[in-house]
Amino acid sequence: MEERSKMNPDAELNDLGTIVIQTAISVHRSVGPGLLESVYEAILSHELRKRGLAAERQVAVAFVHDGIRFDEGFRADIVVAGRIILELKSVEVLSPAHKKQLLTYLRLSGLRLGYLLNFGAALMKDGIVRMVNGLTEGSWSTNLSAFLFPLRPLRLCERLLFSF
């Protein structure tokens, strides 16, 4: 991982993301869908730590608005290596509100990468949404410059959200 990160600064972040996805799939296969989010949070954070990653649960994230610091703007379900926010759900279907929630968390925290992980999906691969904050494309406004990317590149256009 270290060699790749020297060539491409985002390579290490992508490698961390790969470990997160593999671990989430492993947890889902092990315990299945239908449990409370807090159960998946405990198991996933434990499994990530077993893989050598720092995984903090219920992290209070401060932010500044109008020159005022708010010490607890929100609580991230899991923050991995201080660089990736994981928002966990256990619902039948993810809604646009779930995606907007993670996007807001990314923008307020200043972190670049986040995953929305729905353990309620029958297949975990169908419950993973990767979100990247701060990307720009063409004339897209820099204020709304976060794009959603799915796990499978072939379905990219199906999962992009531009209506924030």
N, C-alpha and C. Protein backbone atom coordinates (compact mmCIF):
# COMPACT_ATOMS: atom_id res chain seq x y z
N MET A 1 0.83 -1.19 0.00
CA MET A 1 0.00 0.00 0.00
C MET A 1 0.87 1.25 0.00
N GLU A 2 2.01 1.22 0.72
CA GLU A 2 2.86 2.39 0.83
C GLU A 2 3.48 2.76 -0.52
N GLU A 3 3.93 1.77 -1.30
CA GLU A 3 4.53 2.02 -2.60
C GLU A 3 3.54 2.70 -3.54
N ARG A 4 2.31 2.22 -3.59
CA ARG A 4 1.29 2.81 -4.46
C ARG A 4 0.98 4.23 -4.06
N SER A 5 0.95 4.52 -2.75
CA SER A 5 0.57 5.86 -2.29
C SER A 5 1.61 6.90 -2.68
N LYS A 6 2.86 6.48 -2.92
CA LYS A 6 3.88 7.42 -3.37
C LYS A 6 3.62 7.83 -4.82
N MET A 7 3.14 6.90 -5.63
CA MET A 7 2.87 7.19 -7.03
C MET A 7 1.57 7.95 -7.20
N ASN A 8 0.57 7.64 -6.41
CA ASN A 8 -0.75 8.24 -6.52
C ASN A 8 -1.24 8.55 -5.11
N PRO A 9 -1.41 9.85 -4.79
CA PRO A 9 -1.79 10.19 -3.41
C PRO A 9 -3.14 9.60 -2.98
N ASP A 10 -4.01 9.29 -3.91
CA ASP A 10 -5.30 8.71 -3.56
C ASP A 10 -5.26 7.19 -3.47
N ALA A 11 -4.15 6.59 -3.84
CA ALA A 11 -4.06 5.12 -3.85
C ALA A 11 -4.25 4.53 -2.46
N GLU A 12 -3.64 5.14 -1.45
CA GLU A 12 -3.78 4.62 -0.09
C GLU A 12 -5.23 4.71 0.38
N LEU A 13 -5.89 5.82 0.05
CA LEU A 13 -7.29 5.97 0.42
C LEU A 13 -8.15 4.93 -0.27
N ASN A 14 -7.88 4.67 -1.54
CA ASN A 14 -8.61 3.64 -2.27
C ASN A 14 -8.34 2.25 -1.70
N ASP A 15 -7.10 2.00 -1.29
CA ASP A 15 -6.78 0.72 -0.67
C ASP A 15 -7.54 0.54 0.64
N LEU A 16 -7.61 1.60 1.44
CA LEU A 16 -8.39 1.55 2.68
C LEU A 16 -9.85 1.26 2.37
N GLY A 17 -10.38 1.91 1.33
CA GLY A 17 -11.76 1.69 0.93
C GLY A 17 -12.01 0.26 0.51
N THR A 18 -11.06 -0.34 -0.16
CA THR A 18 -11.19 -1.74 -0.57
C THR A 18 -11.29 -2.64 0.66
N ILE A 19 -10.46 -2.37 1.66
CA ILE A 19 -10.50 -3.16 2.89
C ILE A 19 -11.85 -2.98 3.58
N VAL A 20 -12.37 -1.76 3.60
CA VAL A 20 -13.68 -1.49 4.21
C VAL A 20 -14.76 -2.31 3.52
N ILE A 21 -14.78 -2.30 2.19
CA ILE A 21 -15.80 -3.02 1.43
C ILE A 21 -15.68 -4.53 1.67
N GLN A 22 -14.47 -5.05 1.58
CA GLN A 22 -14.27 -6.48 1.80
C GLN A 22 -14.72 -6.89 3.20
N THR A 23 -14.43 -6.05 4.18
CA THR A 23 -14.80 -6.35 5.55
C THR A 23 -16.31 -6.29 5.74
N ALA A 24 -16.96 -5.29 5.15
CA ALA A 24 -18.42 -5.18 5.25
C ALA A 24 -19.10 -6.39 4.62
N ILE A 25 -18.61 -6.83 3.48
CA ILE A 25 -19.17 -8.01 2.82
C ILE A 25 -18.98 -9.24 3.69
N SER A 26 -17.82 -9.37 4.29
CA SER A 26 -17.54 -10.50 5.17
C SER A 26 -18.47 -10.51 6.38
N VAL A 27 -18.68 -9.35 6.99
CA VAL A 27 -19.58 -9.24 8.14
C VAL A 27 -21.00 -9.62 7.73
N HIS A 28 -21.46 -9.11 6.59
CA HIS A 28 -22.81 -9.38 6.11
C HIS A 28 -23.00 -10.88 5.85
N ARG A 29 -21.99 -11.51 5.23
CA ARG A 29 -22.07 -12.95 4.98
C ARG A 29 -22.12 -13.73 6.29
N SER A 30 -21.42 -13.24 7.29
CA SER A 30 -21.32 -13.94 8.56
C SER A 30 -22.62 -13.87 9.37
N VAL A 31 -23.21 -12.68 9.50
CA VAL A 31 -24.39 -12.53 10.36
C VAL A 31 -25.69 -12.29 9.61
N GLY A 32 -25.60 -11.93 8.32
CA GLY A 32 -26.80 -11.73 7.52
C GLY A 32 -27.49 -10.40 7.78
N PRO A 33 -28.55 -10.13 7.03
CA PRO A 33 -29.30 -8.88 7.19
C PRO A 33 -30.31 -8.97 8.34
N GLY A 34 -30.82 -7.82 8.75
CA GLY A 34 -31.94 -7.81 9.69
C GLY A 34 -31.63 -7.44 11.11
N LEU A 35 -30.36 -7.21 11.44
CA LEU A 35 -30.01 -6.82 12.80
C LEU A 35 -30.04 -5.30 12.94
N LEU A 36 -29.91 -4.82 14.16
CA LEU A 36 -29.85 -3.38 14.39
C LEU A 36 -28.54 -2.80 13.88
N GLU A 37 -28.57 -1.53 13.47
CA GLU A 37 -27.36 -0.86 13.00
C GLU A 37 -26.25 -0.94 14.03
N SER A 38 -26.59 -0.79 15.30
CA SER A 38 -25.57 -0.79 16.36
C SER A 38 -24.83 -2.13 16.42
N VAL A 39 -25.50 -3.22 16.08
CA VAL A 39 -24.84 -4.53 16.08
C VAL A 39 -23.81 -4.58 14.95
N TYR A 40 -24.22 -4.14 13.75
CA TYR A 40 -23.29 -4.12 12.63
C TYR A 40 -22.12 -3.17 12.91
N GLU A 41 -22.41 -2.05 13.56
CA GLU A 41 -21.36 -1.08 13.90
C GLU A 41 -20.31 -1.73 14.80
N ALA A 42 -20.75 -2.44 15.83
CA ALA A 42 -19.83 -3.10 16.76
C ALA A 42 -19.00 -4.16 16.05
N ILE A 43 -19.65 -4.99 15.26
CA ILE A 43 -18.95 -6.08 14.57
C ILE A 43 -17.99 -5.54 13.52
N LEU A 44 -18.46 -4.58 12.70
CA LEU A 44 -17.62 -4.04 11.63
C LEU A 44 -16.40 -3.33 12.20
N SER A 45 -16.57 -2.53 13.25
CA SER A 45 -15.42 -1.83 13.82
C SER A 45 -14.42 -2.84 14.39
N HIS A 46 -14.92 -3.89 15.01
CA HIS A 46 -14.04 -4.95 15.54
C HIS A 46 -13.25 -5.61 14.40
N GLU A 47 -13.95 -5.95 13.33
CA GLU A 47 -13.30 -6.63 12.19
C GLU A 47 -12.28 -5.72 11.50
N LEU A 48 -12.57 -4.43 11.41
CA LEU A 48 -11.62 -3.49 10.80
C LEU A 48 -10.36 -3.38 11.66
N ARG A 49 -10.53 -3.37 12.98
CA ARG A 49 -9.37 -3.32 13.87
C ARG A 49 -8.55 -4.60 13.76
N LYS A 50 -9.22 -5.75 13.59
CA LYS A 50 -8.50 -7.01 13.39
C LYS A 50 -7.63 -6.95 12.14
N ARG A 51 -8.04 -6.16 11.17
CA ARG A 51 -7.29 -6.01 9.91
C ARG A 51 -6.24 -4.90 10.02
N GLY A 52 -6.06 -4.38 11.20
CA GLY A 52 -5.00 -3.39 11.42
C GLY A 52 -5.38 -1.95 11.19
N LEU A 53 -6.67 -1.67 11.02
CA LEU A 53 -7.11 -0.29 10.79
C LEU A 53 -7.66 0.32 12.06
N ALA A 54 -7.42 1.59 12.25
CA ALA A 54 -8.05 2.32 13.35
C ALA A 54 -9.51 2.52 12.96
N ALA A 55 -10.41 2.13 13.84
CA ALA A 55 -11.85 2.27 13.57
C ALA A 55 -12.52 2.78 14.84
N GLU A 56 -12.94 4.03 14.81
CA GLU A 56 -13.58 4.65 15.97
C GLU A 56 -15.08 4.71 15.75
N ARG A 57 -15.83 4.38 16.79
CA ARG A 57 -17.30 4.38 16.71
C ARG A 57 -17.87 5.66 17.30
N GLN A 58 -19.01 6.09 16.72
CA GLN A 58 -19.77 7.22 17.22
C GLN A 58 -18.87 8.43 17.50
N VAL A 59 -18.16 8.84 16.47
CA VAL A 59 -17.21 9.95 16.58
C VAL A 59 -17.95 11.27 16.42
N ALA A 60 -17.86 12.11 17.46
CA ALA A 60 -18.45 13.45 17.39
C ALA A 60 -17.57 14.30 16.49
N VAL A 61 -18.19 14.91 15.48
CA VAL A 61 -17.44 15.72 14.53
C VAL A 61 -17.87 17.17 14.67
N ALA A 62 -16.91 18.02 14.97
CA ALA A 62 -17.17 19.45 15.11
C ALA A 62 -17.12 20.12 13.74
N PHE A 63 -17.77 21.26 13.63
CA PHE A 63 -17.68 22.05 12.41
C PHE A 63 -17.88 23.52 12.76
N VAL A 64 -17.51 24.38 11.82
CA VAL A 64 -17.64 25.82 12.02
C VAL A 64 -18.69 26.35 11.06
N HIS A 65 -19.60 27.14 11.59
CA HIS A 65 -20.62 27.80 10.78
C HIS A 65 -20.72 29.24 11.24
N ASP A 66 -20.62 30.16 10.30
CA ASP A 66 -20.76 31.58 10.60
C ASP A 66 -19.78 32.01 11.70
N GLY A 67 -18.59 31.42 11.65
CA GLY A 67 -17.56 31.78 12.61
C GLY A 67 -17.71 31.17 13.99
N ILE A 68 -18.71 30.33 14.17
CA ILE A 68 -18.95 29.69 15.47
C ILE A 68 -18.64 28.21 15.35
N ARG A 69 -17.88 27.71 16.31
CA ARG A 69 -17.55 26.28 16.32
C ARG A 69 -18.64 25.51 17.07
N PHE A 70 -19.17 24.49 16.42
CA PHE A 70 -20.14 23.59 17.03
C PHE A 70 -19.40 22.28 17.30
N ASP A 71 -19.24 21.96 18.58
CA ASP A 71 -18.41 20.80 18.93
C ASP A 71 -19.02 19.47 18.55
N GLU A 72 -20.31 19.37 18.49
CA GLU A 72 -20.93 18.11 18.12
C GLU A 72 -21.99 18.35 17.06
N GLY A 73 -21.53 18.54 15.83
CA GLY A 73 -22.45 18.75 14.73
C GLY A 73 -23.19 17.48 14.37
N PHE A 74 -22.47 16.38 14.44
CA PHE A 74 -23.05 15.07 14.16
C PHE A 74 -22.13 14.01 14.71
N ARG A 75 -22.62 12.79 14.73
CA ARG A 75 -21.81 11.64 15.13
C ARG A 75 -21.68 10.70 13.94
N ALA A 76 -20.45 10.49 13.53
CA ALA A 76 -20.19 9.53 12.46
C ALA A 76 -20.25 8.12 13.06
N ASP A 77 -20.94 7.21 12.38
CA ASP A 77 -21.04 5.84 12.89
C ASP A 77 -19.66 5.24 13.12
N ILE A 78 -18.83 5.27 12.08
CA ILE A 78 -17.45 4.78 12.19
C ILE A 78 -16.55 5.69 11.35
N VAL A 79 -15.41 6.05 11.91
CA VAL A 79 -14.38 6.75 11.14
C VAL A 79 -13.18 5.81 11.08
N VAL A 80 -12.74 5.51 9.85
CA VAL A 80 -11.65 4.57 9.62
C VAL A 80 -10.36 5.34 9.33
N ALA A 81 -9.34 5.06 10.12
CA ALA A 81 -8.01 5.65 9.94
C ALA A 81 -8.05 7.17 9.91
N GLY A 82 -9.07 7.76 10.51
CA GLY A 82 -9.20 9.21 10.51
C GLY A 82 -9.46 9.81 9.14
N ARG A 83 -9.79 8.95 8.15
CA ARG A 83 -9.90 9.42 6.76
C ARG A 83 -11.18 9.06 6.03
N ILE A 84 -11.91 8.07 6.53
CA ILE A 84 -13.11 7.60 5.82
C ILE A 84 -14.27 7.54 6.81
N ILE A 85 -15.40 8.12 6.40
CA ILE A 85 -16.62 8.04 7.22
C ILE A 85 -17.47 6.89 6.71
N LEU A 86 -17.92 6.05 7.65
CA LEU A 86 -18.85 4.98 7.32
C LEU A 86 -20.18 5.30 7.97
N GLU A 87 -21.21 5.39 7.17
CA GLU A 87 -22.57 5.58 7.67
C GLU A 87 -23.30 4.26 7.45
N LEU A 88 -23.72 3.64 8.55
CA LEU A 88 -24.34 2.33 8.48
C LEU A 88 -25.85 2.44 8.55
N LYS A 89 -26.51 1.61 7.77
CA LYS A 89 -27.97 1.52 7.78
C LYS A 89 -28.34 0.05 7.80
N SER A 90 -29.56 -0.22 8.24
CA SER A 90 -30.11 -1.57 8.19
C SER A 90 -31.57 -1.43 7.79
N VAL A 91 -31.78 -1.08 6.52
CA VAL A 91 -33.11 -0.82 5.99
C VAL A 91 -33.31 -1.61 4.71
N GLU A 92 -34.58 -1.77 4.30
CA GLU A 92 -34.84 -2.51 3.06
C GLU A 92 -34.26 -1.80 1.85
N VAL A 93 -34.46 -0.49 1.78
CA VAL A 93 -34.02 0.29 0.62
C VAL A 93 -33.43 1.61 1.11
N LEU A 94 -32.28 1.97 0.56
CA LEU A 94 -31.70 3.27 0.88
C LEU A 94 -32.51 4.38 0.21
N SER A 95 -32.65 5.49 0.88
CA SER A 95 -33.36 6.63 0.30
C SER A 95 -32.37 7.72 -0.07
N PRO A 96 -32.77 8.66 -0.89
CA PRO A 96 -31.90 9.80 -1.20
C PRO A 96 -31.47 10.56 0.06
N ALA A 97 -32.32 10.57 1.09
CA ALA A 97 -31.97 11.25 2.34
C ALA A 97 -30.75 10.61 3.01
N HIS A 98 -30.62 9.30 2.92
CA HIS A 98 -29.46 8.62 3.49
C HIS A 98 -28.18 9.07 2.79
N LYS A 99 -28.25 9.21 1.49
CA LYS A 99 -27.08 9.63 0.71
C LYS A 99 -26.73 11.08 1.00
N LYS A 100 -27.75 11.92 1.12
CA LYS A 100 -27.51 13.32 1.44
C LYS A 100 -26.91 13.47 2.83
N GLN A 101 -27.31 12.62 3.75
CA GLN A 101 -26.76 12.65 5.10
C GLN A 101 -25.25 12.43 5.07
N LEU A 102 -24.80 11.40 4.38
CA LEU A 102 -23.38 11.12 4.30
C LEU A 102 -22.65 12.24 3.57
N LEU A 103 -23.22 12.74 2.51
CA LEU A 103 -22.60 13.84 1.78
C LEU A 103 -22.39 15.05 2.70
N THR A 104 -23.39 15.37 3.49
CA THR A 104 -23.27 16.47 4.44
C THR A 104 -22.18 16.20 5.46
N TYR A 105 -22.11 14.98 5.96
CA TYR A 105 -21.06 14.60 6.91
C TYR A 105 -19.68 14.81 6.29
N LEU A 106 -19.52 14.40 5.03
CA LEU A 106 -18.24 14.56 4.36
C LEU A 106 -17.89 16.04 4.20
N ARG A 107 -18.85 16.83 3.76
CA ARG A 107 -18.58 18.26 3.57
C ARG A 107 -18.24 18.95 4.88
N LEU A 108 -18.99 18.67 5.94
CA LEU A 108 -18.75 19.34 7.21
C LEU A 108 -17.45 18.88 7.87
N SER A 109 -17.08 17.63 7.68
CA SER A 109 -15.87 17.11 8.29
C SER A 109 -14.62 17.45 7.49
N GLY A 110 -14.80 17.74 6.20
CA GLY A 110 -13.66 17.98 5.33
C GLY A 110 -13.00 16.71 4.84
N LEU A 111 -13.59 15.56 5.17
CA LEU A 111 -13.04 14.29 4.69
C LEU A 111 -13.47 14.07 3.24
N ARG A 112 -12.70 13.29 2.54
CA ARG A 112 -12.91 13.11 1.10
C ARG A 112 -13.75 11.88 0.75
N LEU A 113 -13.64 10.81 1.53
CA LEU A 113 -14.26 9.54 1.15
C LEU A 113 -15.20 9.03 2.23
N GLY A 114 -16.34 8.53 1.79
CA GLY A 114 -17.28 7.93 2.71
C GLY A 114 -18.02 6.79 2.05
N TYR A 115 -18.53 5.89 2.88
CA TYR A 115 -19.32 4.77 2.37
C TYR A 115 -20.62 4.71 3.14
N LEU A 116 -21.70 4.56 2.42
CA LEU A 116 -23.01 4.27 2.98
C LEU A 116 -23.17 2.77 2.85
N LEU A 117 -23.27 2.08 3.99
CA LEU A 117 -23.32 0.62 4.00
C LEU A 117 -24.67 0.17 4.55
N ASN A 118 -25.49 -0.41 3.68
CA ASN A 118 -26.81 -0.87 4.09
C ASN A 118 -26.78 -2.38 4.34
N PHE A 119 -26.73 -2.74 5.62
CA PHE A 119 -26.70 -4.15 5.98
C PHE A 119 -28.09 -4.80 5.89
N GLY A 120 -29.11 -4.03 5.55
CA GLY A 120 -30.44 -4.58 5.36
C GLY A 120 -30.65 -5.16 3.98
N ALA A 121 -29.72 -4.90 3.06
CA ALA A 121 -29.82 -5.43 1.70
C ALA A 121 -29.64 -6.95 1.72
N ALA A 122 -30.34 -7.63 0.83
CA ALA A 122 -30.20 -9.08 0.74
C ALA A 122 -28.77 -9.47 0.38
N LEU A 123 -28.17 -8.72 -0.55
CA LEU A 123 -26.76 -8.91 -0.91
C LEU A 123 -26.03 -7.62 -0.57
N MET A 124 -24.95 -7.72 0.17
CA MET A 124 -24.24 -6.53 0.62
C MET A 124 -23.76 -5.68 -0.54
N LYS A 125 -23.36 -6.31 -1.65
CA LYS A 125 -22.87 -5.53 -2.79
C LYS A 125 -23.93 -4.56 -3.31
N ASP A 126 -25.20 -4.87 -3.07
CA ASP A 126 -26.27 -3.97 -3.49
C ASP A 126 -26.54 -2.88 -2.45
N GLY A 127 -25.90 -2.97 -1.30
CA GLY A 127 -26.12 -2.00 -0.23
C GLY A 127 -24.93 -1.09 0.01
N ILE A 128 -24.01 -1.00 -0.96
CA ILE A 128 -22.82 -0.18 -0.79
C ILE A 128 -22.86 1.00 -1.75
N VAL A 129 -22.72 2.20 -1.19
CA VAL A 129 -22.62 3.41 -2.00
C VAL A 129 -21.34 4.12 -1.57
N ARG A 130 -20.48 4.39 -2.53
CA ARG A 130 -19.22 5.10 -2.29
C ARG A 130 -19.44 6.56 -2.64
N MET A 131 -19.05 7.45 -1.74
CA MET A 131 -19.22 8.88 -1.99
C MET A 131 -17.88 9.57 -1.85
N VAL A 132 -17.58 10.45 -2.81
CA VAL A 132 -16.34 11.20 -2.80
C VAL A 132 -16.67 12.68 -2.75
N ASN A 133 -16.13 13.36 -1.78
CA ASN A 133 -16.37 14.79 -1.59
C ASN A 133 -15.26 15.59 -2.27
N GLY A 134 -15.64 16.66 -2.94
CA GLY A 134 -14.66 17.60 -3.46
C GLY A 134 -14.21 17.37 -4.88
N LEU A 135 -14.86 16.51 -5.62
CA LEU A 135 -14.50 16.32 -7.02
C LEU A 135 -15.25 17.35 -7.85
N THR A 136 -14.60 17.84 -8.90
CA THR A 136 -15.26 18.77 -9.80
C THR A 136 -15.25 18.19 -11.20
N GLU A 137 -16.22 18.59 -11.98
CA GLU A 137 -16.31 18.10 -13.35
C GLU A 137 -16.92 19.20 -14.20
N GLY A 138 -16.23 19.63 -15.23
CA GLY A 138 -16.76 20.64 -16.13
C GLY A 138 -17.12 21.91 -15.39
N SER A 139 -18.34 22.36 -15.58
CA SER A 139 -18.77 23.61 -14.97
C SER A 139 -19.55 23.39 -13.68
N TRP A 140 -19.48 22.18 -13.13
CA TRP A 140 -20.21 21.89 -11.90
C TRP A 140 -19.75 22.84 -10.80
N SER A 141 -20.67 23.39 -10.05
CA SER A 141 -20.37 24.36 -9.01
C SER A 141 -19.44 23.76 -7.96
N THR A 142 -18.45 24.55 -7.55
CA THR A 142 -17.53 24.05 -6.53
C THR A 142 -18.23 23.91 -5.18
N ASN A 143 -19.34 24.61 -4.99
CA ASN A 143 -20.08 24.46 -3.74
C ASN A 143 -20.85 23.14 -3.69
N LEU A 144 -21.16 22.60 -4.83
CA LEU A 144 -21.88 21.32 -4.90
C LEU A 144 -21.04 20.32 -5.68
N SER A 145 -19.79 20.21 -5.30
CA SER A 145 -18.86 19.43 -6.11
C SER A 145 -18.59 18.04 -5.56
N ALA A 146 -19.56 17.42 -4.96
CA ALA A 146 -19.38 16.04 -4.50
C ALA A 146 -20.23 15.14 -5.37
N PHE A 147 -19.65 14.06 -5.82
CA PHE A 147 -20.35 13.12 -6.69
C PHE A 147 -20.40 11.78 -6.00
N LEU A 148 -21.43 11.01 -6.31
CA LEU A 148 -21.60 9.68 -5.75
C LEU A 148 -21.13 8.66 -6.77
N PHE A 149 -20.35 7.71 -6.32
CA PHE A 149 -19.86 6.68 -7.20
C PHE A 149 -20.26 5.33 -6.65
N PRO A 150 -20.81 4.46 -7.48
CA PRO A 150 -21.21 3.13 -7.02
C PRO A 150 -20.01 2.20 -6.95
N LEU A 151 -20.24 1.05 -6.38
CA LEU A 151 -19.20 0.05 -6.27
C LEU A 151 -18.81 -0.48 -7.65
N ARG A 152 -19.78 -0.61 -8.54
CA ARG A 152 -19.52 -1.16 -9.87
C ARG A 152 -19.46 -0.03 -10.89
N PRO A 153 -18.30 0.22 -11.53
CA PRO A 153 -18.17 1.31 -12.49
C PRO A 153 -19.16 1.23 -13.65
N LEU A 154 -19.61 0.06 -14.04
CA LEU A 154 -20.52 -0.05 -15.17
C LEU A 154 -21.88 0.58 -14.89
N ARG A 155 -22.22 0.76 -13.61
CA ARG A 155 -23.51 1.32 -13.26
C ARG A 155 -23.37 2.75 -12.76
N LEU A 156 -22.27 3.41 -13.11
CA LEU A 156 -21.99 4.74 -12.61
C LEU A 156 -23.13 5.71 -12.85
N CYS A 157 -23.65 5.75 -14.08
CA CYS A 157 -24.70 6.72 -14.40
C CYS A 157 -26.00 6.42 -13.66
N GLU A 158 -26.20 5.19 -13.22
CA GLU A 158 -27.43 4.83 -12.54
C GLU A 158 -27.47 5.38 -11.12
N ARG A 159 -26.30 5.59 -10.50
CA ARG A 159 -26.28 5.92 -9.09
C ARG A 159 -25.81 7.34 -8.80
N LEU A 160 -25.45 8.11 -9.84
CA LEU A 160 -25.02 9.48 -9.59
C LEU A 160 -26.20 10.31 -9.11
N LEU A 161 -25.96 11.12 -8.12
CA LEU A 161 -27.00 12.03 -7.63
C LEU A 161 -26.49 13.45 -7.76
N PHE A 162 -27.28 14.27 -8.42
CA PHE A 162 -26.88 15.66 -8.55
C PHE A 162 -27.92 16.58 -7.93
N SER A 163 -28.98 16.06 -7.36
CA SER A 163 -30.03 16.89 -6.77
C SER A 163 -29.86 16.96 -5.27
N PHE A 164 -28.93 17.78 -4.83
CA PHE A 164 -28.66 17.90 -3.41
C PHE A 164 -29.65 18.88 -2.86
